[in-house]
């Protein structure tokens, strides 16, 4: 039986097939805001694994509890890759930590642990958000990051999940975005205009190619 597509009712993005990976690009923290809404918004019942390189596990859980009060935290796993190991939270989210943002092996292992944890709880559909690749690139060379994204892309495809990778293109050579978008299935570009943020989807079927306004 075909796996149901992933839907995003709070954003101008049409449903995407299971196993899809998306590169979310924007300057500053705007990409993180959109990726978080793709992962957590819309009241879905999917499991979530959020790899955070900016906010500690505790801070992220508390922010999400405030922004998404209906979120079932028993289906929410966080990997704290800030190096602060700030993992104690009363939200009910399961928080794992790695030593620093350069520990890609640790991130991969913790991702497998959280995936197994969610699957044991009967959750097979998982949205994974990597926030952000730009921060990882500050500590790790591009070739290593490319291999890491390839590996994660393969896992997400094999498990019919959804993968979201956040990148700030203004921090990198254009070749970085070009290479990463060729690993992922599609790209969501986000920009700030005078009237507010806008979003455009590229590389995926059944999506509008025009810029569309966002309400974040």
N, C-alpha and C. Protein backbone atom coordinates (compact mmCIF):
# COMPACT_ATOMS: atom_id res chain seq x y z
N UNK A 1 0.84 -1.19 0.00
CA UNK A 1 0.00 0.00 0.00
C UNK A 1 0.88 1.25 0.00
N UNK A 2 0.63 2.20 -0.92
CA UNK A 2 1.45 3.42 -0.96
C UNK A 2 1.34 4.20 0.34
N UNK A 3 2.47 4.78 0.76
CA UNK A 3 2.49 5.61 1.95
C UNK A 3 1.89 6.96 1.65
N UNK A 4 1.06 7.47 2.56
CA UNK A 4 0.43 8.76 2.36
C UNK A 4 1.48 9.86 2.26
N UNK A 5 1.24 10.88 1.43
CA UNK A 5 2.18 11.99 1.31
C UNK A 5 2.19 12.85 2.57
N UNK A 6 3.23 13.66 2.69
CA UNK A 6 3.33 14.60 3.81
C UNK A 6 2.67 15.92 3.39
N UNK A 7 1.81 16.44 4.27
CA UNK A 7 1.07 17.66 3.97
C UNK A 7 1.51 18.80 4.88
N UNK A 8 1.29 20.04 4.39
CA UNK A 8 1.71 21.25 5.11
C UNK A 8 0.58 22.29 5.05
N UNK A 9 -0.49 22.08 5.79
CA UNK A 9 -1.68 22.93 5.66
C UNK A 9 -1.47 24.38 6.07
N UNK A 10 -0.42 24.69 6.82
CA UNK A 10 -0.20 26.07 7.26
C UNK A 10 0.74 26.85 6.35
N UNK A 11 1.22 26.22 5.28
CA UNK A 11 2.17 26.86 4.38
C UNK A 11 1.73 26.68 2.92
N UNK A 12 2.15 27.57 2.02
CA UNK A 12 1.80 27.42 0.60
C UNK A 12 2.69 26.40 -0.10
N UNK A 13 2.69 25.19 0.42
CA UNK A 13 3.47 24.08 -0.14
C UNK A 13 2.52 22.89 -0.29
N UNK A 14 2.43 22.36 -1.51
CA UNK A 14 1.58 21.20 -1.74
C UNK A 14 2.20 19.95 -1.10
N UNK A 15 1.39 18.93 -0.92
CA UNK A 15 1.86 17.68 -0.31
C UNK A 15 3.00 17.09 -1.13
N UNK A 16 3.94 16.43 -0.44
CA UNK A 16 5.06 15.78 -1.11
C UNK A 16 5.05 14.29 -0.76
N UNK A 17 5.56 13.50 -1.66
CA UNK A 17 5.56 12.05 -1.45
C UNK A 17 6.45 11.66 -0.28
N UNK A 18 6.13 10.55 0.35
CA UNK A 18 6.97 10.02 1.42
C UNK A 18 8.35 9.68 0.87
N UNK A 19 9.39 9.93 1.68
CA UNK A 19 10.76 9.70 1.26
C UNK A 19 11.43 10.92 0.66
N UNK A 20 10.77 12.07 0.71
CA UNK A 20 11.29 13.30 0.11
C UNK A 20 12.23 14.04 1.07
N UNK A 21 13.30 14.61 0.50
CA UNK A 21 14.17 15.50 1.27
C UNK A 21 14.13 16.88 0.62
N UNK A 22 14.10 17.92 1.47
CA UNK A 22 13.99 19.30 1.00
C UNK A 22 15.11 20.14 1.60
N UNK A 23 15.73 20.96 0.76
CA UNK A 23 16.70 21.95 1.22
C UNK A 23 15.96 23.27 1.40
N UNK A 24 15.94 23.78 2.63
CA UNK A 24 15.24 25.03 2.93
C UNK A 24 16.28 26.14 3.05
N UNK A 25 16.24 27.11 2.15
CA UNK A 25 17.28 28.14 2.11
C UNK A 25 16.70 29.52 2.40
N UNK A 26 17.40 30.27 3.23
CA UNK A 26 17.03 31.65 3.55
C UNK A 26 18.17 32.28 4.34
N UNK A 27 18.21 33.61 4.35
CA UNK A 27 19.20 34.32 5.14
C UNK A 27 18.74 34.42 6.59
N UNK A 28 19.71 34.40 7.49
CA UNK A 28 19.38 34.54 8.92
C UNK A 28 18.58 33.36 9.44
N UNK A 29 17.64 33.66 10.36
CA UNK A 29 16.86 32.60 11.01
C UNK A 29 15.55 32.30 10.30
N UNK A 30 15.29 32.97 9.17
CA UNK A 30 14.02 32.76 8.48
C UNK A 30 13.87 31.33 7.99
N UNK A 31 14.95 30.74 7.51
CA UNK A 31 14.89 29.35 7.05
C UNK A 31 14.54 28.40 8.17
N UNK A 32 15.07 28.66 9.36
CA UNK A 32 14.76 27.81 10.52
C UNK A 32 13.28 27.91 10.88
N UNK A 33 12.72 29.11 10.79
CA UNK A 33 11.30 29.30 11.12
C UNK A 33 10.42 28.52 10.16
N UNK A 34 10.75 28.56 8.87
CA UNK A 34 9.96 27.85 7.87
C UNK A 34 10.12 26.34 8.03
N UNK A 35 11.35 25.88 8.24
CA UNK A 35 11.60 24.45 8.42
C UNK A 35 10.87 23.92 9.65
N UNK A 36 10.85 24.71 10.73
CA UNK A 36 10.15 24.29 11.94
C UNK A 36 8.65 24.15 11.67
N UNK A 37 8.10 25.07 10.88
CA UNK A 37 6.67 24.99 10.55
C UNK A 37 6.40 23.78 9.65
N UNK A 38 7.30 23.49 8.73
CA UNK A 38 7.15 22.29 7.90
C UNK A 38 7.17 21.02 8.74
N UNK A 39 7.99 21.03 9.78
CA UNK A 39 8.13 19.83 10.62
C UNK A 39 7.02 19.71 11.64
N UNK A 40 6.64 20.83 12.28
CA UNK A 40 5.74 20.76 13.43
C UNK A 40 4.34 21.27 13.17
N UNK A 41 4.16 22.10 12.15
CA UNK A 41 2.87 22.75 11.96
C UNK A 41 1.82 21.85 11.35
N UNK A 42 0.58 22.25 11.49
CA UNK A 42 -0.51 21.57 10.79
C UNK A 42 -1.24 20.51 11.56
N UNK A 43 -0.86 20.24 12.80
CA UNK A 43 -1.60 19.29 13.62
C UNK A 43 -1.54 17.85 13.15
N UNK A 44 -0.45 17.45 12.50
CA UNK A 44 -0.31 16.07 12.02
C UNK A 44 0.07 15.13 13.16
N UNK A 45 0.02 13.83 12.87
CA UNK A 45 0.35 12.81 13.87
C UNK A 45 1.71 12.17 13.62
N UNK A 46 2.54 12.77 12.77
CA UNK A 46 3.84 12.19 12.46
C UNK A 46 4.81 12.38 13.62
N UNK A 47 5.77 11.48 13.74
CA UNK A 47 6.85 11.68 14.67
C UNK A 47 7.80 12.74 14.15
N UNK A 48 8.56 13.35 15.04
CA UNK A 48 9.48 14.42 14.66
C UNK A 48 10.82 14.18 15.33
N UNK A 49 11.89 14.31 14.55
CA UNK A 49 13.25 14.34 15.09
C UNK A 49 13.87 15.65 14.64
N UNK A 50 14.28 16.47 15.61
CA UNK A 50 14.79 17.81 15.32
C UNK A 50 16.24 17.89 15.79
N UNK A 51 17.15 18.10 14.85
CA UNK A 51 18.57 18.24 15.17
C UNK A 51 18.87 19.74 15.26
N UNK A 52 19.23 20.21 16.44
CA UNK A 52 19.39 21.64 16.68
C UNK A 52 20.85 21.99 16.93
N UNK A 53 21.38 22.92 16.14
CA UNK A 53 22.75 23.40 16.33
C UNK A 53 22.77 24.81 16.91
N UNK A 54 21.60 25.43 17.06
CA UNK A 54 21.51 26.80 17.56
C UNK A 54 20.94 26.86 18.98
N UNK A 55 19.78 26.27 19.18
CA UNK A 55 19.14 26.25 20.49
C UNK A 55 19.43 24.95 21.20
N UNK A 56 19.62 25.01 22.50
CA UNK A 56 19.81 23.78 23.28
C UNK A 56 18.53 22.97 23.27
N UNK A 57 18.63 21.70 23.65
CA UNK A 57 17.45 20.84 23.67
C UNK A 57 16.34 21.40 24.54
N UNK A 58 16.70 21.89 25.71
CA UNK A 58 15.68 22.44 26.62
C UNK A 58 15.02 23.67 26.02
N UNK A 59 15.84 24.59 25.47
CA UNK A 59 15.29 25.82 24.89
C UNK A 59 14.37 25.51 23.72
N UNK A 60 14.79 24.58 22.86
CA UNK A 60 13.98 24.23 21.69
C UNK A 60 12.65 23.63 22.13
N UNK A 61 12.69 22.70 23.09
CA UNK A 61 11.46 22.07 23.55
C UNK A 61 10.49 23.09 24.12
N UNK A 62 11.02 24.03 24.91
CA UNK A 62 10.17 25.05 25.53
C UNK A 62 9.60 26.01 24.48
N UNK A 63 10.40 26.37 23.48
CA UNK A 63 9.91 27.23 22.40
C UNK A 63 8.79 26.53 21.63
N UNK A 64 8.99 25.26 21.34
CA UNK A 64 7.97 24.51 20.59
C UNK A 64 6.70 24.31 21.40
N UNK A 65 6.86 24.13 22.71
CA UNK A 65 5.69 24.00 23.57
C UNK A 65 4.86 25.29 23.55
N UNK A 66 5.55 26.43 23.51
CA UNK A 66 4.87 27.72 23.47
C UNK A 66 4.21 27.97 22.11
N UNK A 67 4.91 27.62 21.03
CA UNK A 67 4.42 27.90 19.68
C UNK A 67 3.42 26.86 19.18
N UNK A 68 3.54 25.62 19.68
CA UNK A 68 2.67 24.53 19.23
C UNK A 68 2.08 23.83 20.45
N UNK A 69 1.12 24.45 21.11
CA UNK A 69 0.58 23.90 22.37
C UNK A 69 -0.12 22.56 22.20
N UNK A 70 -0.53 22.21 20.98
CA UNK A 70 -1.21 20.94 20.75
C UNK A 70 -0.25 19.82 20.35
N UNK A 71 1.04 20.12 20.31
CA UNK A 71 2.03 19.12 19.90
C UNK A 71 2.11 18.00 20.93
N UNK A 72 2.09 16.75 20.43
CA UNK A 72 2.25 15.58 21.30
C UNK A 72 3.75 15.34 21.49
N UNK A 73 4.26 15.72 22.66
CA UNK A 73 5.70 15.64 22.88
C UNK A 73 6.21 14.21 23.05
N UNK A 74 5.31 13.26 23.22
CA UNK A 74 5.75 11.86 23.26
C UNK A 74 6.19 11.40 21.88
N UNK A 75 5.87 12.17 20.84
CA UNK A 75 6.25 11.85 19.47
C UNK A 75 7.36 12.78 18.96
N UNK A 76 8.02 13.48 19.90
CA UNK A 76 8.99 14.51 19.53
C UNK A 76 10.35 14.17 20.13
N UNK A 77 11.36 13.98 19.26
CA UNK A 77 12.71 13.72 19.71
C UNK A 77 13.64 14.84 19.27
N UNK A 78 14.55 15.25 20.14
CA UNK A 78 15.47 16.35 19.86
C UNK A 78 16.91 15.87 20.02
N UNK A 79 17.76 16.25 19.08
CA UNK A 79 19.19 16.04 19.23
C UNK A 79 19.84 17.40 19.45
N UNK A 80 20.38 17.61 20.63
CA UNK A 80 21.05 18.86 20.98
C UNK A 80 22.49 18.77 20.51
N UNK A 81 22.78 19.49 19.40
CA UNK A 81 24.13 19.47 18.84
C UNK A 81 24.86 20.78 19.11
N UNK A 82 24.43 21.49 20.14
CA UNK A 82 25.07 22.77 20.49
C UNK A 82 26.33 22.57 21.32
N UNK A 83 26.46 21.40 21.94
CA UNK A 83 27.58 21.15 22.84
C UNK A 83 27.30 21.57 24.26
N UNK A 84 26.10 22.13 24.52
CA UNK A 84 25.78 22.61 25.86
C UNK A 84 25.15 21.52 26.73
N UNK A 85 24.66 20.45 26.12
CA UNK A 85 24.06 19.33 26.85
C UNK A 85 22.98 19.81 27.82
N UNK A 86 22.20 20.77 27.37
CA UNK A 86 21.11 21.32 28.17
C UNK A 86 19.85 20.56 27.79
N UNK A 87 19.66 19.40 28.42
CA UNK A 87 18.64 18.45 27.95
C UNK A 87 17.48 18.25 28.89
N UNK A 88 17.52 18.81 30.10
CA UNK A 88 16.44 18.59 31.06
C UNK A 88 15.23 19.43 30.69
N UNK A 89 14.10 18.78 30.45
CA UNK A 89 12.88 19.49 30.08
C UNK A 89 11.67 18.76 30.63
N UNK A 90 10.68 19.54 31.03
CA UNK A 90 9.45 18.96 31.57
C UNK A 90 8.38 18.81 30.49
N UNK A 91 8.75 18.99 29.22
CA UNK A 91 7.76 18.95 28.15
C UNK A 91 7.34 17.53 27.79
N UNK A 92 8.17 16.56 28.09
CA UNK A 92 7.90 15.18 27.67
C UNK A 92 8.64 14.78 26.42
N UNK A 93 9.34 15.72 25.80
CA UNK A 93 10.15 15.39 24.63
C UNK A 93 11.37 14.59 25.06
N UNK A 94 11.78 13.65 24.23
CA UNK A 94 13.02 12.93 24.50
C UNK A 94 14.18 13.69 23.88
N UNK A 95 15.15 14.06 24.70
CA UNK A 95 16.27 14.87 24.24
C UNK A 95 17.58 14.10 24.40
N UNK A 96 18.31 13.97 23.30
CA UNK A 96 19.64 13.40 23.29
C UNK A 96 20.64 14.51 22.97
N UNK A 97 21.89 14.32 23.32
CA UNK A 97 22.89 15.36 23.02
C UNK A 97 24.16 14.72 22.49
N UNK A 98 24.90 15.52 21.71
CA UNK A 98 26.23 15.13 21.24
C UNK A 98 27.21 16.20 21.72
N UNK A 99 28.48 15.89 21.64
CA UNK A 99 29.50 16.75 22.26
C UNK A 99 29.60 18.12 21.60
N UNK A 100 29.42 18.18 20.28
CA UNK A 100 29.52 19.45 19.56
C UNK A 100 28.94 19.29 18.17
N UNK A 101 28.86 20.40 17.44
CA UNK A 101 28.25 20.39 16.11
C UNK A 101 29.09 19.65 15.07
N UNK A 102 30.33 19.38 15.37
CA UNK A 102 31.18 18.65 14.43
C UNK A 102 31.04 17.14 14.56
N UNK A 103 30.31 16.69 15.58
CA UNK A 103 30.19 15.26 15.85
C UNK A 103 29.09 14.64 14.98
N UNK A 104 29.36 14.51 13.69
CA UNK A 104 28.36 13.98 12.78
C UNK A 104 28.08 12.50 13.03
N UNK A 105 29.10 11.77 13.47
CA UNK A 105 28.88 10.36 13.82
C UNK A 105 27.92 10.26 15.00
N UNK A 106 28.12 11.12 16.00
CA UNK A 106 27.22 11.13 17.15
C UNK A 106 25.81 11.51 16.76
N UNK A 107 25.66 12.50 15.88
CA UNK A 107 24.33 12.91 15.42
C UNK A 107 23.64 11.75 14.71
N UNK A 108 24.39 11.05 13.87
CA UNK A 108 23.83 9.90 13.15
C UNK A 108 23.38 8.81 14.11
N UNK A 109 24.20 8.51 15.12
CA UNK A 109 23.85 7.48 16.10
C UNK A 109 22.62 7.89 16.90
N UNK A 110 22.59 9.14 17.38
CA UNK A 110 21.44 9.61 18.15
C UNK A 110 20.18 9.62 17.30
N UNK A 111 20.33 9.93 16.00
CA UNK A 111 19.18 9.90 15.10
C UNK A 111 18.61 8.49 15.00
N UNK A 112 19.50 7.50 14.93
CA UNK A 112 19.05 6.11 14.87
C UNK A 112 18.36 5.70 16.17
N UNK A 113 18.89 6.16 17.31
CA UNK A 113 18.30 5.85 18.60
C UNK A 113 16.89 6.42 18.70
N UNK A 114 16.72 7.67 18.30
CA UNK A 114 15.41 8.30 18.38
C UNK A 114 14.44 7.68 17.38
N UNK A 115 14.93 7.32 16.20
CA UNK A 115 14.07 6.65 15.22
C UNK A 115 13.55 5.33 15.78
N UNK A 116 14.44 4.55 16.38
CA UNK A 116 14.03 3.28 16.99
C UNK A 116 13.04 3.50 18.12
N UNK A 117 13.29 4.53 18.94
CA UNK A 117 12.39 4.86 20.05
C UNK A 117 10.99 5.17 19.54
N UNK A 118 10.89 5.99 18.50
CA UNK A 118 9.59 6.34 17.95
C UNK A 118 8.90 5.13 17.32
N UNK A 119 9.67 4.32 16.61
CA UNK A 119 9.09 3.14 15.97
C UNK A 119 8.57 2.14 17.00
N UNK A 120 9.25 2.01 18.13
CA UNK A 120 8.77 1.12 19.19
C UNK A 120 7.46 1.62 19.79
N UNK A 121 7.24 2.93 19.68
CA UNK A 121 5.98 3.51 20.15
C UNK A 121 4.91 3.53 19.06
N UNK A 122 5.17 2.81 17.97
CA UNK A 122 4.18 2.68 16.91
C UNK A 122 4.16 3.82 15.92
N UNK A 123 5.22 4.63 15.89
CA UNK A 123 5.28 5.79 14.98
C UNK A 123 6.23 5.46 13.84
N UNK A 124 5.69 5.31 12.64
CA UNK A 124 6.50 4.95 11.49
C UNK A 124 6.80 6.14 10.58
N UNK A 125 5.94 7.14 10.60
CA UNK A 125 6.15 8.33 9.76
C UNK A 125 6.90 9.37 10.57
N UNK A 126 8.08 9.75 10.10
CA UNK A 126 8.93 10.67 10.86
C UNK A 126 9.37 11.83 9.97
N UNK A 127 9.21 13.05 10.50
CA UNK A 127 9.74 14.25 9.87
C UNK A 127 11.04 14.62 10.58
N UNK A 128 12.14 14.66 9.83
CA UNK A 128 13.45 14.96 10.41
C UNK A 128 13.91 16.33 9.93
N UNK A 129 14.29 17.19 10.87
CA UNK A 129 14.71 18.55 10.54
C UNK A 129 16.14 18.77 11.02
N UNK A 130 17.04 19.15 10.11
CA UNK A 130 18.45 19.41 10.42
C UNK A 130 18.67 20.92 10.37
N UNK A 131 18.75 21.54 11.54
CA UNK A 131 18.78 23.00 11.65
C UNK A 131 20.04 23.45 12.41
N UNK A 132 21.17 23.78 11.73
CA UNK A 132 21.21 23.95 10.30
C UNK A 132 22.53 23.43 9.74
N UNK A 133 22.53 23.18 8.42
CA UNK A 133 23.76 22.75 7.77
C UNK A 133 24.81 23.86 7.79
N UNK A 134 24.37 25.10 7.76
CA UNK A 134 25.33 26.22 7.79
C UNK A 134 26.15 26.21 9.07
N UNK A 135 25.51 25.91 10.18
CA UNK A 135 26.24 25.83 11.44
C UNK A 135 27.21 24.65 11.43
N UNK A 136 26.76 23.52 10.89
CA UNK A 136 27.65 22.36 10.79
C UNK A 136 28.87 22.68 9.93
N UNK A 137 28.67 23.48 8.89
CA UNK A 137 29.77 23.82 7.99
C UNK A 137 30.81 24.74 8.62
N UNK A 138 30.45 25.38 9.72
CA UNK A 138 31.43 26.19 10.43
C UNK A 138 32.48 25.33 11.12
N UNK A 139 32.13 24.07 11.38
CA UNK A 139 33.01 23.19 12.15
C UNK A 139 33.51 21.98 11.37
N UNK A 140 32.93 21.74 10.20
CA UNK A 140 33.25 20.53 9.45
C UNK A 140 33.42 20.90 7.98
N UNK A 141 34.33 20.23 7.28
CA UNK A 141 34.56 20.57 5.87
C UNK A 141 33.37 20.14 5.00
N UNK A 142 33.28 20.77 3.85
CA UNK A 142 32.11 20.59 2.99
C UNK A 142 31.99 19.16 2.47
N UNK A 143 33.10 18.52 2.17
CA UNK A 143 33.05 17.15 1.66
C UNK A 143 32.42 16.22 2.69
N UNK A 144 32.77 16.40 3.96
CA UNK A 144 32.20 15.57 5.03
C UNK A 144 30.71 15.83 5.17
N UNK A 145 30.31 17.10 5.10
CA UNK A 145 28.89 17.44 5.20
C UNK A 145 28.12 16.84 4.03
N UNK A 146 28.70 16.87 2.85
CA UNK A 146 28.05 16.30 1.68
C UNK A 146 27.78 14.81 1.88
N UNK A 147 28.77 14.09 2.39
CA UNK A 147 28.58 12.66 2.66
C UNK A 147 27.49 12.44 3.71
N UNK A 148 27.47 13.30 4.73
CA UNK A 148 26.48 13.20 5.80
C UNK A 148 25.07 13.38 5.23
N UNK A 149 24.89 14.40 4.39
CA UNK A 149 23.57 14.65 3.80
C UNK A 149 23.17 13.50 2.89
N UNK A 150 24.13 12.96 2.13
CA UNK A 150 23.86 11.78 1.28
C UNK A 150 23.34 10.63 2.15
N UNK A 151 24.01 10.38 3.27
CA UNK A 151 23.62 9.28 4.15
C UNK A 151 22.22 9.49 4.71
N UNK A 152 21.96 10.70 5.22
CA UNK A 152 20.64 11.00 5.79
C UNK A 152 19.55 10.93 4.72
N UNK A 153 19.87 11.41 3.52
CA UNK A 153 18.91 11.35 2.41
C UNK A 153 18.54 9.89 2.12
N UNK A 154 19.53 9.01 2.12
CA UNK A 154 19.25 7.60 1.87
C UNK A 154 18.39 6.97 2.95
N UNK A 155 18.65 7.32 4.21
CA UNK A 155 17.85 6.78 5.32
C UNK A 155 16.41 7.26 5.23
N UNK A 156 16.23 8.53 4.93
CA UNK A 156 14.88 9.09 4.86
C UNK A 156 14.10 8.46 3.71
N UNK A 157 14.75 8.26 2.59
CA UNK A 157 14.09 7.62 1.45
C UNK A 157 13.71 6.18 1.79
N UNK A 158 14.61 5.47 2.47
CA UNK A 158 14.37 4.06 2.80
C UNK A 158 13.25 3.87 3.81
N UNK A 159 13.03 4.88 4.65
CA UNK A 159 12.01 4.75 5.70
C UNK A 159 10.74 5.54 5.38
N UNK A 160 10.63 6.05 4.15
CA UNK A 160 9.45 6.83 3.74
C UNK A 160 9.21 8.02 4.67
N UNK A 161 10.29 8.68 5.09
CA UNK A 161 10.16 9.83 5.96
C UNK A 161 10.16 11.13 5.18
N UNK A 162 10.34 12.23 5.91
CA UNK A 162 10.50 13.56 5.31
C UNK A 162 11.74 14.17 5.92
N UNK A 163 12.63 14.70 5.07
CA UNK A 163 13.85 15.32 5.55
C UNK A 163 13.91 16.80 5.19
N UNK A 164 14.28 17.62 6.17
CA UNK A 164 14.38 19.06 5.98
C UNK A 164 15.79 19.51 6.38
N UNK A 165 16.51 20.13 5.46
CA UNK A 165 17.87 20.59 5.73
C UNK A 165 17.91 22.11 5.55
N UNK A 166 18.27 22.84 6.59
CA UNK A 166 18.27 24.30 6.55
C UNK A 166 19.66 24.80 6.15
N UNK A 167 19.69 25.77 5.22
CA UNK A 167 20.95 26.36 4.77
C UNK A 167 20.77 27.86 4.59
N UNK A 168 21.77 28.63 5.04
CA UNK A 168 21.82 30.07 4.79
C UNK A 168 22.81 30.31 3.66
N UNK A 169 22.35 30.48 2.42
CA UNK A 169 23.27 30.60 1.28
C UNK A 169 24.20 31.80 1.37
N UNK A 170 23.78 32.84 2.10
CA UNK A 170 24.61 34.04 2.20
C UNK A 170 25.92 33.77 2.94
N UNK A 171 26.01 32.65 3.64
CA UNK A 171 27.21 32.31 4.40
C UNK A 171 28.21 31.49 3.59
N UNK A 172 27.82 31.09 2.35
CA UNK A 172 28.65 30.12 1.63
C UNK A 172 28.84 30.50 0.17
N UNK A 173 29.82 29.86 -0.44
CA UNK A 173 30.01 29.94 -1.87
C UNK A 173 28.78 29.35 -2.57
N UNK A 174 28.38 29.90 -3.73
CA UNK A 174 27.20 29.37 -4.44
C UNK A 174 27.28 27.88 -4.74
N UNK A 175 28.48 27.33 -4.86
CA UNK A 175 28.64 25.91 -5.15
C UNK A 175 28.07 25.05 -4.02
N UNK A 176 28.08 25.57 -2.80
CA UNK A 176 27.56 24.80 -1.66
C UNK A 176 26.08 24.52 -1.85
N UNK A 177 25.31 25.56 -2.12
CA UNK A 177 23.87 25.35 -2.34
C UNK A 177 23.64 24.45 -3.55
N UNK A 178 24.38 24.70 -4.63
CA UNK A 178 24.20 23.91 -5.85
C UNK A 178 24.40 22.42 -5.59
N UNK A 179 25.46 22.09 -4.86
CA UNK A 179 25.76 20.69 -4.58
C UNK A 179 24.69 20.06 -3.69
N UNK A 180 24.31 20.76 -2.62
CA UNK A 180 23.34 20.21 -1.68
C UNK A 180 21.95 20.07 -2.29
N UNK A 181 21.56 21.02 -3.15
CA UNK A 181 20.23 20.91 -3.74
C UNK A 181 20.15 19.76 -4.74
N UNK A 182 21.31 19.33 -5.26
CA UNK A 182 21.33 18.19 -6.15
C UNK A 182 21.28 16.86 -5.41
N UNK A 183 21.56 16.88 -4.10
CA UNK A 183 21.37 15.69 -3.28
C UNK A 183 19.91 15.57 -2.88
N UNK A 184 19.31 16.69 -2.50
CA UNK A 184 17.91 16.68 -2.05
C UNK A 184 16.96 16.59 -3.25
N UNK A 185 15.70 16.26 -2.95
CA UNK A 185 14.70 16.12 -4.01
C UNK A 185 14.17 17.47 -4.48
N UNK A 186 14.14 18.44 -3.58
CA UNK A 186 13.60 19.75 -3.93
C UNK A 186 14.17 20.82 -3.04
N UNK A 187 13.88 22.07 -3.41
CA UNK A 187 14.38 23.23 -2.68
C UNK A 187 13.21 24.16 -2.33
N UNK A 188 13.20 24.64 -1.11
CA UNK A 188 12.27 25.70 -0.71
C UNK A 188 13.11 26.94 -0.41
N UNK A 189 13.03 27.93 -1.31
CA UNK A 189 13.73 29.18 -1.11
C UNK A 189 12.80 30.16 -0.39
N UNK A 190 13.34 30.88 0.58
CA UNK A 190 12.55 31.84 1.35
C UNK A 190 13.29 33.18 1.33
N UNK A 191 12.53 34.26 1.17
CA UNK A 191 13.15 35.59 1.15
C UNK A 191 12.27 36.57 1.91
N UNK A 192 12.87 37.64 2.37
CA UNK A 192 12.15 38.71 3.06
C UNK A 192 11.93 39.87 2.10
N UNK A 193 10.67 40.27 1.92
CA UNK A 193 10.31 41.41 1.11
C UNK A 193 9.67 42.48 1.98
N UNK A 194 9.44 43.64 1.41
CA UNK A 194 8.84 44.72 2.20
C UNK A 194 7.48 44.32 2.74
N UNK A 195 6.71 43.56 1.96
CA UNK A 195 5.38 43.13 2.40
C UNK A 195 5.42 41.92 3.33
N UNK A 196 6.61 41.35 3.52
CA UNK A 196 6.74 40.19 4.39
C UNK A 196 7.47 39.05 3.70
N UNK A 197 7.68 37.93 4.38
CA UNK A 197 8.41 36.81 3.79
C UNK A 197 7.64 36.12 2.67
N UNK A 198 8.40 35.58 1.72
CA UNK A 198 7.82 34.84 0.60
C UNK A 198 8.56 33.53 0.41
N UNK A 199 7.88 32.58 -0.22
CA UNK A 199 8.41 31.23 -0.38
C UNK A 199 8.22 30.78 -1.82
N UNK A 200 9.20 30.00 -2.31
CA UNK A 200 9.10 29.41 -3.65
C UNK A 200 9.65 27.99 -3.59
N UNK A 201 8.96 27.06 -4.25
CA UNK A 201 9.37 25.65 -4.28
C UNK A 201 9.95 25.33 -5.66
N UNK A 202 11.08 24.64 -5.68
CA UNK A 202 11.70 24.25 -6.94
C UNK A 202 12.05 22.76 -6.91
N UNK A 203 11.95 22.13 -8.08
CA UNK A 203 12.42 20.76 -8.22
C UNK A 203 11.41 19.67 -7.93
N UNK A 204 10.21 20.04 -7.50
CA UNK A 204 9.19 19.05 -7.17
C UNK A 204 7.98 19.21 -8.08
N UNK A 205 7.31 18.09 -8.42
CA UNK A 205 6.11 18.20 -9.26
C UNK A 205 4.93 18.76 -8.47
N UNK A 206 3.96 19.27 -9.20
CA UNK A 206 2.68 19.73 -8.63
C UNK A 206 2.84 20.87 -7.63
N UNK A 207 3.89 21.67 -7.81
CA UNK A 207 4.11 22.82 -6.93
C UNK A 207 4.10 24.10 -7.76
N UNK A 208 3.61 25.18 -7.17
CA UNK A 208 3.69 26.48 -7.81
C UNK A 208 5.14 26.92 -7.90
N UNK A 209 5.54 27.49 -9.03
CA UNK A 209 6.90 27.98 -9.22
C UNK A 209 7.03 29.46 -8.88
N UNK A 210 5.93 30.10 -8.51
CA UNK A 210 5.97 31.54 -8.23
C UNK A 210 6.20 31.78 -6.74
N UNK A 211 6.66 32.99 -6.42
CA UNK A 211 6.83 33.37 -5.03
C UNK A 211 5.46 33.58 -4.39
N UNK A 212 5.29 33.03 -3.18
CA UNK A 212 4.03 33.14 -2.47
C UNK A 212 4.27 33.69 -1.07
N UNK A 213 3.35 34.51 -0.62
CA UNK A 213 3.52 35.15 0.68
C UNK A 213 3.35 34.15 1.81
N UNK A 214 4.04 34.43 2.92
CA UNK A 214 4.00 33.58 4.11
C UNK A 214 3.40 34.34 5.27
N UNK A 215 2.69 33.62 6.13
CA UNK A 215 2.17 34.19 7.36
C UNK A 215 2.81 33.44 8.53
N UNK A 216 3.92 33.98 9.02
CA UNK A 216 4.66 33.30 10.08
C UNK A 216 4.56 34.07 11.40
